[in-house]
Amino acid sequence: MTRHATMVALWLFATALLQATEARINKVLPHFLDDRGRHALAPSLYERDAYQAELRKQPEKVRGVRFDIHWRAQRRVRGPLTLRLELRTANRAEMAPLVLETAVKPGFLGRKWSSIHLDGERFTEAGSVLSWQATLLDGGRELAVKRSFLW
C-alpha cells in the first residue's frame, strides 16, 4: 500500500510541476497551401502528409503557408492574448523578420490550436520560409516562445 501511495504522490507532484508554467507553445506545424487554400485533399493525416509531399515536389503549386500553432495558457492569465509569428524568408534574409500577429483566446482547459496564414502577395514577396519564431504575448509581456531549429 505504501508503494502505491508513493507512486500517486509522485504523479501528483509531477502534474503540479507541469501545470506551474503560465503558458506554453507545444507545437508549430507549417503547411503549404495550394491555389484553393487547401493543405490536404481529405481529412486524414495520411492524406495531409501525402499532399504536403506533393506540394514540396511541385513548388509552382504552392500559393501560401499556414502555421498551425498548439498552445496553452493558465486561466489566471488576464488581458488580451496575442500570438506573434516572426518569419525569416528567402527574399528577406538580410532584413528584419516578417511579423504576423493574431488575437487569441484560451480554449478548453486553456489549450487551443490557432492558425496564422502567409499567402497571396505577401507570400510571393517574402519567398520561402527559412525559419520561424512563435511567441505568445499577454499585453506586451512574453509568456511563451517556440523557435525553429534554424532561428
C-alpha atoms as a PDB file:
ATOM      1  CA  MET A   1       0.000   0.000   0.000  1.00  0.00           C
ATOM      2  CA  THR A   2       2.835   2.424   0.764  1.00  0.00           C
ATOM      3  CA  ARG A   3       4.342   1.800  -2.642  1.00  0.00           C
ATOM      4  CA  HIS A   4       1.036   2.673  -4.301  1.00  0.00           C
ATOM      5  CA  ALA A   5       0.674   5.837  -2.196  1.00  0.00           C
ATOM      6  CA  THR A   6       4.228   6.889  -3.082  1.00  0.00           C
ATOM      7  CA  MET A   7       3.528   6.453  -6.806  1.00  0.00           C
ATOM      8  CA  VAL A   8       0.345   8.523  -6.548  1.00  0.00           C
ATOM      9  CA  ALA A   9       2.189  11.248  -4.632  1.00  0.00           C
ATOM     10  CA  LEU A  10       4.955  11.369  -7.270  1.00  0.00           C
ATOM     11  CA  TRP A  11       2.390  11.521 -10.058  1.00  0.00           C
ATOM     12  CA  LEU A  12       0.555  14.418  -8.347  1.00  0.00           C
ATOM     13  CA  PHE A  13       3.843  16.255  -7.789  1.00  0.00           C
ATOM     14  CA  ALA A  14       4.870  15.858 -11.445  1.00  0.00           C
ATOM     15  CA  THR A  15       1.439  17.057 -12.591  1.00  0.00           C
ATOM     16  CA  ALA A  16       1.697  20.118 -10.341  1.00  0.00           C
ATOM     17  CA  LEU A  17       5.125  20.951 -11.796  1.00  0.00           C
ATOM     18  CA  LEU A  18       3.823  20.690 -15.350  1.00  0.00           C
ATOM     19  CA  GLN A  19       0.847  22.915 -14.555  1.00  0.00           C
ATOM     20  CA  ALA A  20       3.070  25.525 -12.869  1.00  0.00           C
ATOM     21  CA  THR A  21       4.079  27.091 -16.163  1.00  0.00           C
ATOM     22  CA  GLU A  22       1.909  30.066 -17.012  1.00  0.00           C
ATOM     23  CA  ALA A  23       1.847  29.386 -20.738  1.00  0.00           C
ATOM     24  CA  ARG A  24       3.449  27.153 -23.323  1.00  0.00           C
ATOM     25  CA  ILE A  25       3.640  26.719 -27.073  1.00  0.00           C
ATOM     26  CA  ASN A  26       3.585  22.968 -27.635  1.00  0.00           C
ATOM     27  CA  LYS A  27       3.781  22.621 -31.389  1.00  0.00           C
ATOM     28  CA  VAL A  28       4.123  24.682 -34.582  1.00  0.00           C
ATOM     29  CA  LEU A  29       3.152  22.919 -37.821  1.00  0.00           C
ATOM     30  CA  PRO A  30       3.806  24.733 -41.118  1.00  0.00           C
ATOM     31  CA  HIS A  31       1.605  23.551 -44.001  1.00  0.00           C
ATOM     32  CA  PHE A  32       1.861  24.565 -47.649  1.00  0.00           C
ATOM     33  CA  LEU A  33      -1.373  25.808 -49.223  1.00  0.00           C
ATOM     34  CA  ASP A  34      -2.428  25.343 -52.840  1.00  0.00           C
ATOM     35  CA  ASP A  35      -4.261  27.867 -55.054  1.00  0.00           C
ATOM     36  CA  ARG A  36      -7.586  26.934 -53.380  1.00  0.00           C
ATOM     37  CA  GLY A  37      -6.179  27.382 -49.855  1.00  0.00           C
ATOM     38  CA  ARG A  38      -6.084  23.638 -49.145  1.00  0.00           C
ATOM     39  CA  HIS A  39      -3.346  21.915 -47.160  1.00  0.00           C
ATOM     40  CA  ALA A  40      -4.851  18.431 -47.718  1.00  0.00           C
ATOM     41  CA  LEU A  41      -7.250  16.797 -50.153  1.00  0.00           C
ATOM     42  CA  ALA A  42      -9.006  14.684 -47.498  1.00  0.00           C
ATOM     43  CA  PRO A  43      -9.394  14.926 -43.705  1.00  0.00           C
ATOM     44  CA  SER A  44      -6.808  12.343 -42.695  1.00  0.00           C
ATOM     45  CA  LEU A  45      -3.231  12.695 -41.513  1.00  0.00           C
ATOM     46  CA  TYR A  46      -2.008  10.291 -44.193  1.00  0.00           C
ATOM     47  CA  GLU A  47      -3.676  12.319 -46.967  1.00  0.00           C
ATOM     48  CA  ARG A  48      -2.347  15.554 -45.491  1.00  0.00           C
ATOM     49  CA  ASP A  49       1.214  14.256 -45.407  1.00  0.00           C
ATOM     50  CA  ALA A  50       0.924  12.872 -48.950  1.00  0.00           C
ATOM     51  CA  TYR A  51      -0.414  16.185 -50.296  1.00  0.00           C
ATOM     52  CA  GLN A  52       2.273  18.158 -48.453  1.00  0.00           C
ATOM     53  CA  ALA A  53       4.923  15.923 -50.075  1.00  0.00           C
ATOM     54  CA  GLU A  54       3.329  16.578 -53.486  1.00  0.00           C
ATOM     55  CA  LEU A  55       3.385  20.348 -52.881  1.00  0.00           C
ATOM     56  CA  ARG A  56       7.062  20.178 -51.831  1.00  0.00           C
ATOM     57  CA  LYS A  57       7.889  18.378 -55.096  1.00  0.00           C
ATOM     58  CA  GLN A  58       5.918  20.908 -57.164  1.00  0.00           C
ATOM     59  CA  PRO A  59       6.600  24.354 -55.631  1.00  0.00           C
ATOM     60  CA  GLU A  60       4.815  26.109 -58.509  1.00  0.00           C
ATOM     61  CA  LYS A  61       1.526  24.861 -56.989  1.00  0.00           C
ATOM     62  CA  VAL A  62       2.242  26.475 -53.595  1.00  0.00           C
ATOM     63  CA  ARG A  63       0.381  29.740 -53.014  1.00  0.00           C
ATOM     64  CA  GLY A  64       0.928  30.173 -49.285  1.00  0.00           C
ATOM     65  CA  VAL A  65       1.849  28.716 -45.907  1.00  0.00           C
ATOM     66  CA  ARG A  66      -0.405  28.161 -42.904  1.00  0.00           C
ATOM     67  CA  PHE A  67       1.163  27.782 -39.468  1.00  0.00           C
ATOM     68  CA  ASP A  68      -0.977  25.745 -37.053  1.00  0.00           C
ATOM     69  CA  ILE A  69       0.140  26.523 -33.509  1.00  0.00           C
ATOM     70  CA  HIS A  70      -0.882  24.470 -30.456  1.00  0.00           C
ATOM     71  CA  TRP A  71      -0.573  26.486 -27.264  1.00  0.00           C
ATOM     72  CA  ARG A  72      -1.953  26.679 -23.756  1.00  0.00           C
ATOM     73  CA  ALA A  73      -2.282  29.364 -21.103  1.00  0.00           C
ATOM     74  CA  GLN A  74      -3.381  29.269 -17.481  1.00  0.00           C
ATOM     75  CA  ARG A  75      -6.858  30.615 -16.761  1.00  0.00           C
ATOM     76  CA  ARG A  76      -5.375  33.227 -14.444  1.00  0.00           C
ATOM     77  CA  VAL A  77      -3.751  34.968 -17.420  1.00  0.00           C
ATOM     78  CA  ARG A  78      -5.695  38.200 -17.847  1.00  0.00           C
ATOM     79  CA  GLY A  79      -5.952  40.582 -20.732  1.00  0.00           C
ATOM     80  CA  PRO A  80      -5.905  40.048 -24.471  1.00  0.00           C
ATOM     81  CA  LEU A  81      -3.524  37.361 -25.695  1.00  0.00           C
ATOM     82  CA  THR A  82      -1.612  37.782 -28.936  1.00  0.00           C
ATOM     83  CA  LEU A  83       0.076  35.084 -30.958  1.00  0.00           C
ATOM     84  CA  ARG A  84       3.038  36.513 -32.887  1.00  0.00           C
ATOM     85  CA  LEU A  85       4.879  34.670 -35.649  1.00  0.00           C
ATOM     86  CA  GLU A  86       8.200  36.031 -36.894  1.00  0.00           C
ATOM     87  CA  LEU A  87       9.496  34.630 -40.175  1.00  0.00           C
ATOM     88  CA  ARG A  88      12.891  34.760 -41.826  1.00  0.00           C
ATOM     89  CA  THR A  89      12.310  34.203 -45.519  1.00  0.00           C
ATOM     90  CA  ALA A  90      14.438  33.797 -48.645  1.00  0.00           C
ATOM     91  CA  ASN A  91      13.698  37.275 -50.025  1.00  0.00           C
ATOM     92  CA  ARG A  92      14.032  38.989 -46.624  1.00  0.00           C
ATOM     93  CA  ALA A  93      17.076  37.128 -45.257  1.00  0.00           C
ATOM     94  CA  GLU A  94      19.086  40.306 -44.667  1.00  0.00           C
ATOM     95  CA  MET A  95      16.134  42.366 -43.373  1.00  0.00           C
ATOM     96  CA  ALA A  96      14.156  42.278 -40.163  1.00  0.00           C
ATOM     97  CA  PRO A  97      11.875  39.248 -39.839  1.00  0.00           C
ATOM     98  CA  LEU A  98       8.362  39.396 -41.275  1.00  0.00           C
ATOM     99  CA  VAL A  99       5.933  39.662 -38.335  1.00  0.00           C
ATOM    100  CA  LEU A 100       2.397  38.226 -38.386  1.00  0.00           C
ATOM    101  CA  GLU A 101       0.061  38.540 -35.377  1.00  0.00           C
ATOM    102  CA  THR A 102      -3.395  37.399 -34.370  1.00  0.00           C
ATOM    103  CA  ALA A 103      -5.512  37.893 -31.242  1.00  0.00           C
ATOM    104  CA  VAL A 104      -6.359  34.623 -29.462  1.00  0.00           C
ATOM    105  CA  LYS A 105      -8.412  33.369 -26.506  1.00  0.00           C
ATOM    106  CA  PRO A 106      -7.681  30.251 -24.440  1.00  0.00           C
ATOM    107  CA  GLY A 107      -9.864  27.261 -25.238  1.00  0.00           C
ATOM    108  CA  PHE A 108     -10.975  24.296 -23.114  1.00  0.00           C
ATOM    109  CA  LEU A 109      -8.554  23.815 -20.194  1.00  0.00           C
ATOM    110  CA  GLY A 110      -6.525  26.720 -21.611  1.00  0.00           C
ATOM    111  CA  ARG A 111      -5.437  24.711 -24.676  1.00  0.00           C
ATOM    112  CA  LYS A 112      -6.067  25.756 -28.245  1.00  0.00           C
ATOM    113  CA  TRP A 113      -4.963  25.428 -31.868  1.00  0.00           C
ATOM    114  CA  SER A 114      -4.620  28.724 -33.735  1.00  0.00           C
ATOM    115  CA  SER A 115      -3.633  29.402 -37.339  1.00  0.00           C
ATOM    116  CA  ILE A 116      -1.630  32.179 -38.949  1.00  0.00           C
ATOM    117  CA  HIS A 117      -1.577  32.464 -42.740  1.00  0.00           C
ATOM    118  CA  LEU A 118       1.051  33.836 -45.097  1.00  0.00           C
ATOM    119  CA  ASP A 119      -0.489  33.862 -48.538  1.00  0.00           C
ATOM    120  CA  GLY A 120      -1.243  35.951 -51.588  1.00  0.00           C
ATOM    121  CA  GLU A 121       1.029  38.855 -52.440  1.00  0.00           C
ATOM    122  CA  ARG A 122       2.833  38.762 -49.081  1.00  0.00           C
ATOM    123  CA  PHE A 123       3.820  35.116 -49.702  1.00  0.00           C
ATOM    124  CA  THR A 124       5.106  35.949 -53.191  1.00  0.00           C
ATOM    125  CA  GLU A 125       7.133  38.900 -51.914  1.00  0.00           C
ATOM    126  CA  ALA A 126       8.558  37.026 -48.913  1.00  0.00           C
ATOM    127  CA  GLY A 127       9.700  33.868 -50.695  1.00  0.00           C
ATOM    128  CA  SER A 128      10.180  30.524 -48.997  1.00  0.00           C
ATOM    129  CA  VAL A 129      10.263  30.381 -45.192  1.00  0.00           C
ATOM    130  CA  LEU A 130      13.732  29.645 -43.793  1.00  0.00           C
ATOM    131  CA  SER A 131      12.981  29.789 -40.058  1.00  0.00           C
ATOM    132  CA  TRP A 132      10.312  30.952 -37.621  1.00  0.00           C
ATOM    133  CA  GLN A 133       9.697  32.011 -34.031  1.00  0.00           C
ATOM    134  CA  ALA A 134       6.260  31.825 -32.388  1.00  0.00           C
ATOM    135  CA  THR A 135       5.561  33.948 -29.294  1.00  0.00           C
ATOM    136  CA  LEU A 136       2.500  34.088 -27.028  1.00  0.00           C
ATOM    137  CA  LEU A 137       2.031  37.543 -25.504  1.00  0.00           C
ATOM    138  CA  ASP A 138      -0.193  38.834 -22.697  1.00  0.00           C
ATOM    139  CA  GLY A 139      -0.434  42.529 -23.483  1.00  0.00           C
ATOM    140  CA  GLY A 140       3.245  43.259 -24.078  1.00  0.00           C
ATOM    141  CA  ARG A 141       4.542  40.539 -21.736  1.00  0.00           C
ATOM    142  CA  GLU A 142       6.087  37.451 -23.292  1.00  0.00           C
ATOM    143  CA  LEU A 143       4.531  34.258 -21.908  1.00  0.00           C
ATOM    144  CA  ALA A 144       5.961  31.541 -24.152  1.00  0.00           C
ATOM    145  CA  VAL A 145       8.308  31.139 -27.136  1.00  0.00           C
ATOM    146  CA  LYS A 146       8.989  28.308 -29.562  1.00  0.00           C
ATOM    147  CA  ARG A 147      11.649  28.574 -32.288  1.00  0.00           C
ATOM    148  CA  SER A 148      12.507  26.536 -35.331  1.00  0.00           C
ATOM    149  CA  PHE A 149      15.896  24.826 -35.392  1.00  0.00           C
ATOM    150  CA  LEU A 150      17.439  27.425 -37.711  1.00  0.00           C
ATOM    151  CA  TRP A 151      16.210  30.515 -35.857  1.00  0.00           C
END
